[in-house]
Amino acid sequence: DSDLVIQKNGNYELTDMGDLVFKKVQSLVNVL
C-alpha cells in the first residue's frame, strides 16, 4: 500500500522507491 513492495510472477520484490528506502534503512541498521 505504501508502494515499497510489489508482487510479480509469484515473487515479492521492492519497487524502485522501495529500493531507495531499503538502501538508506540498511545503512542505518548497519551503523546501529
PDB file of all heavy atoms in Angstrom:
ATOM      1  N   ASP A   1       0.822  -1.217   0.000  1.00  0.00           N
ATOM      2  CA  ASP A   1       0.000   0.000   0.000  1.00  0.00           C
ATOM      3  C   ASP A   1       0.857   1.268   0.000  1.00  0.00           C
ATOM      4  O   ASP A   1       0.417   2.316  -0.465  1.00  0.00           O
ATOM      5  CB  ASP A   1      -0.944   0.026   1.204  1.00  0.00           C
ATOM      6  CG  ASP A   1      -2.046  -1.023   1.097  1.00  0.00           C
ATOM      7  OD1 ASP A   1      -2.223  -1.600   0.001  1.00  0.00           O
ATOM      8  OD2 ASP A   1      -2.721  -1.270   2.123  1.00  0.00           O
ATOM      9  N   SER A   2       2.060   1.168   0.516  1.00  0.00           N
ATOM     10  CA  SER A   2       2.978   2.322   0.571  1.00  0.00           C
ATOM     11  C   SER A   2       3.883   2.386  -0.656  1.00  0.00           C
ATOM     12  O   SER A   2       4.828   3.180  -0.688  1.00  0.00           O
ATOM     13  CB  SER A   2       3.832   2.247   1.835  1.00  0.00           C
ATOM     14  OG  SER A   2       3.030   2.294   2.977  1.00  0.00           O
ATOM     15  N   ASP A   3       3.623   1.536  -1.629  1.00  0.00           N
ATOM     16  CA  ASP A   3       4.397   1.497  -2.880  1.00  0.00           C
ATOM     17  C   ASP A   3       5.877   1.171  -2.670  1.00  0.00           C
ATOM     18  O   ASP A   3       6.737   1.637  -3.420  1.00  0.00           O
ATOM     19  CB  ASP A   3       4.262   2.818  -3.660  1.00  0.00           C
ATOM     20  CG  ASP A   3       2.837   3.075  -4.114  1.00  0.00           C
ATOM     21  OD1 ASP A   3       2.173   2.113  -4.548  1.00  0.00           O
ATOM     22  OD2 ASP A   3       2.394   4.238  -4.041  1.00  0.00           O
ATOM     23  N   LEU A   4       6.158   0.351  -1.671  1.00  0.00           N
ATOM     24  CA  LEU A   4       7.534  -0.082  -1.446  1.00  0.00           C
ATOM     25  C   LEU A   4       7.765  -1.496  -1.976  1.00  0.00           C
ATOM     26  O   LEU A   4       8.901  -1.862  -2.291  1.00  0.00           O
ATOM     27  CB  LEU A   4       7.882  -0.019   0.046  1.00  0.00           C
ATOM     28  CG  LEU A   4       7.832   1.361   0.694  1.00  0.00           C
ATOM     29  CD1 LEU A   4       8.101   1.264   2.190  1.00  0.00           C
ATOM     30  CD2 LEU A   4       8.808   2.312   0.032  1.00  0.00           C
ATOM     31  N   VAL A   5       6.692  -2.293  -2.050  1.00  0.00           N
ATOM     32  CA  VAL A   5       6.776  -3.692  -2.476  1.00  0.00           C
ATOM     33  C   VAL A   5       5.692  -3.967  -3.510  1.00  0.00           C
ATOM     34  O   VAL A   5       4.592  -3.421  -3.422  1.00  0.00           O
ATOM     35  CB  VAL A   5       6.603  -4.640  -1.258  1.00  0.00           C
ATOM     36  CG1 VAL A   5       6.451  -6.091  -1.680  1.00  0.00           C
ATOM     37  CG2 VAL A   5       7.780  -4.500  -0.295  1.00  0.00           C
ATOM     38  N   ILE A   6       6.026  -4.819  -4.478  1.00  0.00           N
ATOM     39  CA  ILE A   6       5.029  -5.293  -5.442  1.00  0.00           C
ATOM     40  C   ILE A   6       5.155  -6.809  -5.557  1.00  0.00           C
ATOM     41  O   ILE A   6       6.185  -7.384  -5.177  1.00  0.00           O
ATOM     42  CB  ILE A   6       5.197  -4.653  -6.847  1.00  0.00           C
ATOM     43  CG1 ILE A   6       6.602  -4.921  -7.400  1.00  0.00           C
ATOM     44  CG2 ILE A   6       4.881  -3.180  -6.826  1.00  0.00           C
ATOM     45  CD1 ILE A   6       6.784  -4.484  -8.854  1.00  0.00           C
ATOM     46  N   GLN A   7       4.105  -7.433  -6.073  1.00  0.00           N
ATOM     47  CA  GLN A   7       4.149  -8.864  -6.328  1.00  0.00           C
ATOM     48  C   GLN A   7       4.185  -9.076  -7.831  1.00  0.00           C
ATOM     49  O   GLN A   7       3.369  -8.521  -8.565  1.00  0.00           O
ATOM     50  CB  GLN A   7       2.927  -9.574  -5.733  1.00  0.00           C
ATOM     51  CG  GLN A   7       3.004 -11.066  -5.883  1.00  0.00           C
ATOM     52  CD  GLN A   7       1.809 -11.786  -5.280  1.00  0.00           C
ATOM     53  OE1 GLN A   7       0.787 -11.188  -4.976  1.00  0.00           O
ATOM     54  NE2 GLN A   7       1.948 -13.098  -5.121  1.00  0.00           N
ATOM     55  N   LYS A   8       5.188  -9.837  -8.272  1.00  0.00           N
ATOM     56  CA  LYS A   8       5.363 -10.140  -9.693  1.00  0.00           C
ATOM     57  C   LYS A   8       5.687 -11.610  -9.853  1.00  0.00           C
ATOM     58  O   LYS A   8       6.623 -12.103  -9.214  1.00  0.00           O
ATOM     59  CB  LYS A   8       6.553  -9.351 -10.261  1.00  0.00           C
ATOM     60  CG  LYS A   8       6.254  -8.058 -10.913  1.00  0.00           C
ATOM     61  CD  LYS A   8       7.516  -7.620 -11.662  1.00  0.00           C
ATOM     62  CE  LYS A   8       7.555  -6.137 -11.832  1.00  0.00           C
ATOM     63  NZ  LYS A   8       8.817  -5.673 -12.382  1.00  0.00           N
ATOM     64  N   ASN A   9       4.932 -12.282 -10.691  1.00  0.00           N
ATOM     65  CA  ASN A   9       5.211 -13.693 -11.006  1.00  0.00           C
ATOM     66  C   ASN A   9       5.400 -14.562  -9.763  1.00  0.00           C
ATOM     67  O   ASN A   9       6.311 -15.378  -9.698  1.00  0.00           O
ATOM     68  CB  ASN A   9       6.442 -13.810 -11.913  1.00  0.00           C
ATOM     69  CG  ASN A   9       6.308 -13.010 -13.180  1.00  0.00           C
ATOM     70  OD1 ASN A   9       5.221 -12.897 -13.731  1.00  0.00           O
ATOM     71  ND2 ASN A   9       7.413 -12.443 -13.644  1.00  0.00           N
ATOM     72  N   GLY A  10       4.592 -14.355  -8.760  1.00  0.00           N
ATOM     73  CA  GLY A  10       4.665 -15.168  -7.539  1.00  0.00           C
ATOM     74  C   GLY A  10       5.762 -14.753  -6.570  1.00  0.00           C
ATOM     75  O   GLY A  10       5.938 -15.380  -5.535  1.00  0.00           O
ATOM     76  N   ASN A  11       6.501 -13.714  -6.914  1.00  0.00           N
ATOM     77  CA  ASN A  11       7.561 -13.212  -6.029  1.00  0.00           C
ATOM     78  C   ASN A  11       7.187 -11.837  -5.505  1.00  0.00           C
ATOM     79  O   ASN A  11       6.534 -11.053  -6.200  1.00  0.00           O
ATOM     80  CB  ASN A  11       8.892 -13.070  -6.779  1.00  0.00           C
ATOM     81  CG  ASN A  11       9.532 -14.390  -7.068  1.00  0.00           C
ATOM     82  OD1 ASN A  11       9.445 -15.327  -6.287  1.00  0.00           O
ATOM     83  ND2 ASN A  11      10.190 -14.489  -8.208  1.00  0.00           N
ATOM     84  N   TYR A  12       7.648 -11.545  -4.313  1.00  0.00           N
ATOM     85  CA  TYR A  12       7.528 -10.190  -3.769  1.00  0.00           C
ATOM     86  C   TYR A  12       8.872  -9.515  -3.972  1.00  0.00           C
ATOM     87  O   TYR A  12       9.927 -10.118  -3.727  1.00  0.00           O
ATOM     88  CB  TYR A  12       7.162 -10.235  -2.279  1.00  0.00           C
ATOM     89  CG  TYR A  12       5.768 -10.755  -2.053  1.00  0.00           C
ATOM     90  CD1 TYR A  12       5.545 -12.097  -1.766  1.00  0.00           C
ATOM     91  CD2 TYR A  12       4.664  -9.910  -2.141  1.00  0.00           C
ATOM     92  CE1 TYR A  12       4.265 -12.583  -1.574  1.00  0.00           C
ATOM     93  CE2 TYR A  12       3.376 -10.382  -1.950  1.00  0.00           C
ATOM     94  CZ  TYR A  12       3.185 -11.720  -1.666  1.00  0.00           C
ATOM     95  OH  TYR A  12       1.914 -12.190  -1.486  1.00  0.00           O
ATOM     96  N   GLU A  13       8.830  -8.279  -4.445  1.00  0.00           N
ATOM     97  CA  GLU A  13      10.071  -7.546  -4.681  1.00  0.00           C
ATOM     98  C   GLU A  13       9.868  -6.070  -4.394  1.00  0.00           C
ATOM     99  O   GLU A  13       8.736  -5.581  -4.313  1.00  0.00           O
ATOM    100  CB  GLU A  13      10.576  -7.758  -6.099  1.00  0.00           C
ATOM    101  CG  GLU A  13       9.647  -7.284  -7.189  1.00  0.00           C
ATOM    102  CD  GLU A  13      10.168  -7.617  -8.579  1.00  0.00           C
ATOM    103  OE1 GLU A  13      10.255  -8.814  -8.920  1.00  0.00           O
ATOM    104  OE2 GLU A  13      10.492  -6.660  -9.314  1.00  0.00           O
ATOM    105  N   LEU A  14      10.970  -5.376  -4.239  1.00  0.00           N
ATOM    106  CA  LEU A  14      10.912  -3.944  -3.955  1.00  0.00           C
ATOM    107  C   LEU A  14      10.616  -3.158  -5.224  1.00  0.00           C
ATOM    108  O   LEU A  14      11.088  -3.515  -6.307  1.00  0.00           O
ATOM    109  CB  LEU A  14      12.240  -3.462  -3.368  1.00  0.00           C
ATOM    110  CG  LEU A  14      12.655  -4.047  -2.021  1.00  0.00           C
ATOM    111  CD1 LEU A  14      13.995  -3.465  -1.584  1.00  0.00           C
ATOM    112  CD2 LEU A  14      11.604  -3.820  -0.961  1.00  0.00           C
ATOM    113  N   THR A  15       9.870  -2.092  -5.079  1.00  0.00           N
ATOM    114  CA  THR A  15       9.694  -1.133  -6.166  1.00  0.00           C
ATOM    115  C   THR A  15      10.959  -0.283  -6.237  1.00  0.00           C
ATOM    116  O   THR A  15      11.859  -0.413  -5.386  1.00  0.00           O
ATOM    117  CB  THR A  15       8.483  -0.225  -5.890  1.00  0.00           C
ATOM    118  OG1 THR A  15       8.749   0.535  -4.698  1.00  0.00           O
ATOM    119  CG2 THR A  15       7.196  -1.025  -5.745  1.00  0.00           C
ATOM    120  N   ASP A  16      11.034   0.592  -7.221  1.00  0.00           N
ATOM    121  CA  ASP A  16      12.192   1.492  -7.299  1.00  0.00           C
ATOM    122  C   ASP A  16      12.287   2.341  -6.035  1.00  0.00           C
ATOM    123  O   ASP A  16      13.380   2.514  -5.474  1.00  0.00           O
ATOM    124  CB  ASP A  16      12.106   2.391  -8.537  1.00  0.00           C
ATOM    125  CG  ASP A  16      12.310   1.605  -9.830  1.00  0.00           C
ATOM    126  OD1 ASP A  16      12.895   0.502  -9.775  1.00  0.00           O
ATOM    127  OD2 ASP A  16      11.885   2.101 -10.890  1.00  0.00           O
ATOM    128  N   MET A  17      11.142   2.858  -5.563  1.00  0.00           N
ATOM    129  CA  MET A  17      11.151   3.649  -4.334  1.00  0.00           C
ATOM    130  C   MET A  17      11.514   2.758  -3.139  1.00  0.00           C
ATOM    131  O   MET A  17      12.260   3.171  -2.249  1.00  0.00           O
ATOM    132  CB  MET A  17       9.794   4.316  -4.095  1.00  0.00           C
ATOM    133  CG  MET A  17       9.811   5.231  -2.882  1.00  0.00           C
ATOM    134  SD  MET A  17       8.322   6.224  -2.680  1.00  0.00           S
ATOM    135  CE  MET A  17       7.122   4.987  -2.288  1.00  0.00           C
ATOM    136  N   GLY A  18      11.023   1.530  -3.138  1.00  0.00           N
ATOM    137  CA  GLY A  18      11.357   0.587  -2.069  1.00  0.00           C
ATOM    138  C   GLY A  18      12.847   0.312  -2.017  1.00  0.00           C
ATOM    139  O   GLY A  18      13.441   0.185  -0.946  1.00  0.00           O
ATOM    140  N   ASP A  19      13.472   0.237  -3.189  1.00  0.00           N
ATOM    141  CA  ASP A  19      14.915   0.007  -3.244  1.00  0.00           C
ATOM    142  C   ASP A  19      15.683   1.193  -2.666  1.00  0.00           C
ATOM    143  O   ASP A  19      16.667   1.012  -1.942  1.00  0.00           O
ATOM    144  CB  ASP A  19      15.354  -0.269  -4.683  1.00  0.00           C
ATOM    145  CG  ASP A  19      16.783  -0.746  -4.763  1.00  0.00           C
ATOM    146  OD1 ASP A  19      17.135  -1.718  -4.061  1.00  0.00           O
ATOM    147  OD2 ASP A  19      17.565  -0.123  -5.516  1.00  0.00           O
ATOM    148  N   LEU A  20      15.233   2.410  -2.969  1.00  0.00           N
ATOM    149  CA  LEU A  20      15.872   3.607  -2.383  1.00  0.00           C
ATOM    150  C   LEU A  20      15.748   3.603  -0.875  1.00  0.00           C
ATOM    151  O   LEU A  20      16.717   3.868  -0.150  1.00  0.00           O
ATOM    152  CB  LEU A  20      15.227   4.881  -2.944  1.00  0.00           C
ATOM    153  CG  LEU A  20      15.504   5.217  -4.401  1.00  0.00           C
ATOM    154  CD1 LEU A  20      14.622   6.382  -4.853  1.00  0.00           C
ATOM    155  CD2 LEU A  20      16.961   5.549  -4.591  1.00  0.00           C
ATOM    156  N   VAL A  21      14.545   3.290  -0.387  1.00  0.00           N
ATOM    157  CA  VAL A  21      14.313   3.243   1.066  1.00  0.00           C
ATOM    158  C   VAL A  21      15.156   2.137   1.688  1.00  0.00           C
ATOM    159  O   VAL A  21      15.800   2.323   2.720  1.00  0.00           O
ATOM    160  CB  VAL A  21      12.811   3.054   1.373  1.00  0.00           C
ATOM    161  CG1 VAL A  21      12.580   2.772   2.847  1.00  0.00           C
ATOM    162  CG2 VAL A  21      12.022   4.282   0.920  1.00  0.00           C
ATOM    163  N   PHE A  22      15.192   0.976   1.042  1.00  0.00           N
ATOM    164  CA  PHE A  22      15.985  -0.155   1.538  1.00  0.00           C
ATOM    165  C   PHE A  22      17.441   0.229   1.751  1.00  0.00           C
ATOM    166  O   PHE A  22      18.035  -0.073   2.782  1.00  0.00           O
ATOM    167  CB  PHE A  22      15.884  -1.333   0.563  1.00  0.00           C
ATOM    168  CG  PHE A  22      17.028  -2.292   0.654  1.00  0.00           C
ATOM    169  CD1 PHE A  22      17.129  -3.176   1.717  1.00  0.00           C
ATOM    170  CD2 PHE A  22      18.030  -2.305  -0.307  1.00  0.00           C
ATOM    171  CE1 PHE A  22      18.198  -4.061   1.818  1.00  0.00           C
ATOM    172  CE2 PHE A  22      19.095  -3.178  -0.212  1.00  0.00           C
ATOM    173  CZ  PHE A  22      19.180  -4.056   0.845  1.00  0.00           C
ATOM    174  N   LYS A  23      18.047   0.893   0.757  1.00  0.00           N
ATOM    175  CA  LYS A  23      19.466   1.247   0.860  1.00  0.00           C
ATOM    176  C   LYS A  23      19.743   2.150   2.054  1.00  0.00           C
ATOM    177  O   LYS A  23      20.741   1.984   2.757  1.00  0.00           O
ATOM    178  CB  LYS A  23      19.940   1.894  -0.444  1.00  0.00           C
ATOM    179  CG  LYS A  23      20.048   0.899  -1.577  1.00  0.00           C
ATOM    180  CD  LYS A  23      20.379   1.554  -2.888  1.00  0.00           C
ATOM    181  CE  LYS A  23      20.413   0.505  -3.995  1.00  0.00           C
ATOM    182  NZ  LYS A  23      20.449   1.088  -5.311  1.00  0.00           N
ATOM    183  N   LYS A  24      18.858   3.105   2.307  1.00  0.00           N
ATOM    184  CA  LYS A  24      19.047   4.007   3.448  1.00  0.00           C
ATOM    185  C   LYS A  24      18.786   3.292   4.764  1.00  0.00           C
ATOM    186  O   LYS A  24      19.526   3.473   5.742  1.00  0.00           O
ATOM    187  CB  LYS A  24      18.148   5.240   3.323  1.00  0.00           C
ATOM    188  CG  LYS A  24      18.453   6.108   2.125  1.00  0.00           C
ATOM    189  CD  LYS A  24      19.867   6.643   2.190  1.00  0.00           C
ATOM    190  CE  LYS A  24      20.169   7.535   1.002  1.00  0.00           C
ATOM    191  NZ  LYS A  24      21.527   8.011   0.999  1.00  0.00           N
ATOM    192  N   VAL A  25      17.750   2.481   4.810  1.00  0.00           N
ATOM    193  CA  VAL A  25      17.425   1.740   6.034  1.00  0.00           C
ATOM    194  C   VAL A  25      18.540   0.759   6.348  1.00  0.00           C
ATOM    195  O   VAL A  25      18.977   0.639   7.498  1.00  0.00           O
ATOM    196  CB  VAL A  25      16.062   1.026   5.909  1.00  0.00           C
ATOM    197  CG1 VAL A  25      15.839   0.055   7.054  1.00  0.00           C
ATOM    198  CG2 VAL A  25      14.932   2.053   5.850  1.00  0.00           C
ATOM    199  N   GLN A  26      19.022   0.061   5.325  1.00  0.00           N
ATOM    200  CA  GLN A  26      20.110  -0.893   5.536  1.00  0.00           C
ATOM    201  C   GLN A  26      21.347  -0.192   6.090  1.00  0.00           C
ATOM    202  O   GLN A  26      21.992  -0.684   7.010  1.00  0.00           O
ATOM    203  CB  GLN A  26      20.447  -1.620   4.240  1.00  0.00           C
ATOM    204  CG  GLN A  26      21.533  -2.670   4.428  1.00  0.00           C
ATOM    205  CD  GLN A  26      21.924  -3.322   3.128  1.00  0.00           C
ATOM    206  OE1 GLN A  26      22.051  -2.666   2.093  1.00  0.00           O
ATOM    207  NE2 GLN A  26      22.107  -4.628   3.166  1.00  0.00           N
ATOM    208  N   SER A  27      21.669   0.959   5.537  1.00  0.00           N
ATOM    209  CA  SER A  27      22.826   1.718   6.005  1.00  0.00           C
ATOM    210  C   SER A  27      22.655   2.109   7.478  1.00  0.00           C
ATOM    211  O   SER A  27      23.575   1.952   8.290  1.00  0.00           O
ATOM    212  CB  SER A  27      23.005   2.959   5.133  1.00  0.00           C
ATOM    213  OG  SER A  27      24.076   3.724   5.580  1.00  0.00           O
ATOM    214  N   LEU A  28      21.478   2.605   7.834  1.00  0.00           N
ATOM    215  CA  LEU A  28      21.210   2.989   9.225  1.00  0.00           C
ATOM    216  C   LEU A  28      21.260   1.780  10.154  1.00  0.00           C
ATOM    217  O   LEU A  28      21.877   1.831  11.221  1.00  0.00           O
ATOM    218  CB  LEU A  28      19.853   3.682   9.324  1.00  0.00           C
ATOM    219  CG  LEU A  28      19.411   4.076  10.738  1.00  0.00           C
ATOM    220  CD1 LEU A  28      20.388   5.054  11.370  1.00  0.00           C
ATOM    221  CD2 LEU A  28      18.002   4.644  10.703  1.00  0.00           C
ATOM    222  N   VAL A  29      20.651   0.686   9.756  1.00  0.00           N
ATOM    223  CA  VAL A  29      20.652  -0.526  10.577  1.00  0.00           C
ATOM    224  C   VAL A  29      22.084  -1.026  10.775  1.00  0.00           C
ATOM    225  O   VAL A  29      22.465  -1.441  11.875  1.00  0.00           O
ATOM    226  CB  VAL A  29      19.743  -1.610   9.956  1.00  0.00           C
ATOM    227  CG1 VAL A  29      19.961  -2.970  10.615  1.00  0.00           C
ATOM    228  CG2 VAL A  29      18.276  -1.198  10.067  1.00  0.00           C
ATOM    229  N   ASN A  30      22.905  -0.966   9.728  1.00  0.00           N
ATOM    230  CA  ASN A  30      24.298  -1.405   9.843  1.00  0.00           C
ATOM    231  C   ASN A  30      25.071  -0.549  10.850  1.00  0.00           C
ATOM    232  O   ASN A  30      25.830  -1.076  11.669  1.00  0.00           O
ATOM    233  CB  ASN A  30      24.998  -1.361   8.484  1.00  0.00           C
ATOM    234  CG  ASN A  30      24.519  -2.436   7.544  1.00  0.00           C
ATOM    235  OD1 ASN A  30      23.844  -3.374   7.938  1.00  0.00           O
ATOM    236  ND2 ASN A  30      24.861  -2.295   6.284  1.00  0.00           N
ATOM    237  N   VAL A  31      24.890   0.762  10.808  1.00  0.00           N
ATOM    238  CA  VAL A  31      25.575   1.654  11.754  1.00  0.00           C
ATOM    239  C   VAL A  31      25.096   1.367  13.175  1.00  0.00           C
ATOM    240  O   VAL A  31      25.904   1.234  14.105  1.00  0.00           O
ATOM    241  CB  VAL A  31      25.346   3.141  11.399  1.00  0.00           C
ATOM    242  CG1 VAL A  31      25.827   4.053  12.515  1.00  0.00           C
ATOM    243  CG2 VAL A  31      26.055   3.492  10.102  1.00  0.00           C
ATOM    244  N   LEU A  32      23.801   1.251  13.362  1.00  0.00           N
ATOM    245  CA  LEU A  32      23.264   0.988  14.698  1.00  0.00           C
ATOM    246  C   LEU A  32      23.704  -0.372  15.222  1.00  0.00           C
ATOM    247  O   LEU A  32      24.008  -0.511  16.405  1.00  0.00           O
ATOM    248  CB  LEU A  32      21.737   1.101  14.685  1.00  0.00           C
ATOM    249  CG  LEU A  32      21.192   2.499  14.387  1.00  0.00           C
ATOM    250  CD1 LEU A  32      19.675   2.470  14.292  1.00  0.00           C
ATOM    251  CD2 LEU A  32      21.655   3.513  15.409  1.00  0.00           C
TER     252      LEU A  32
END
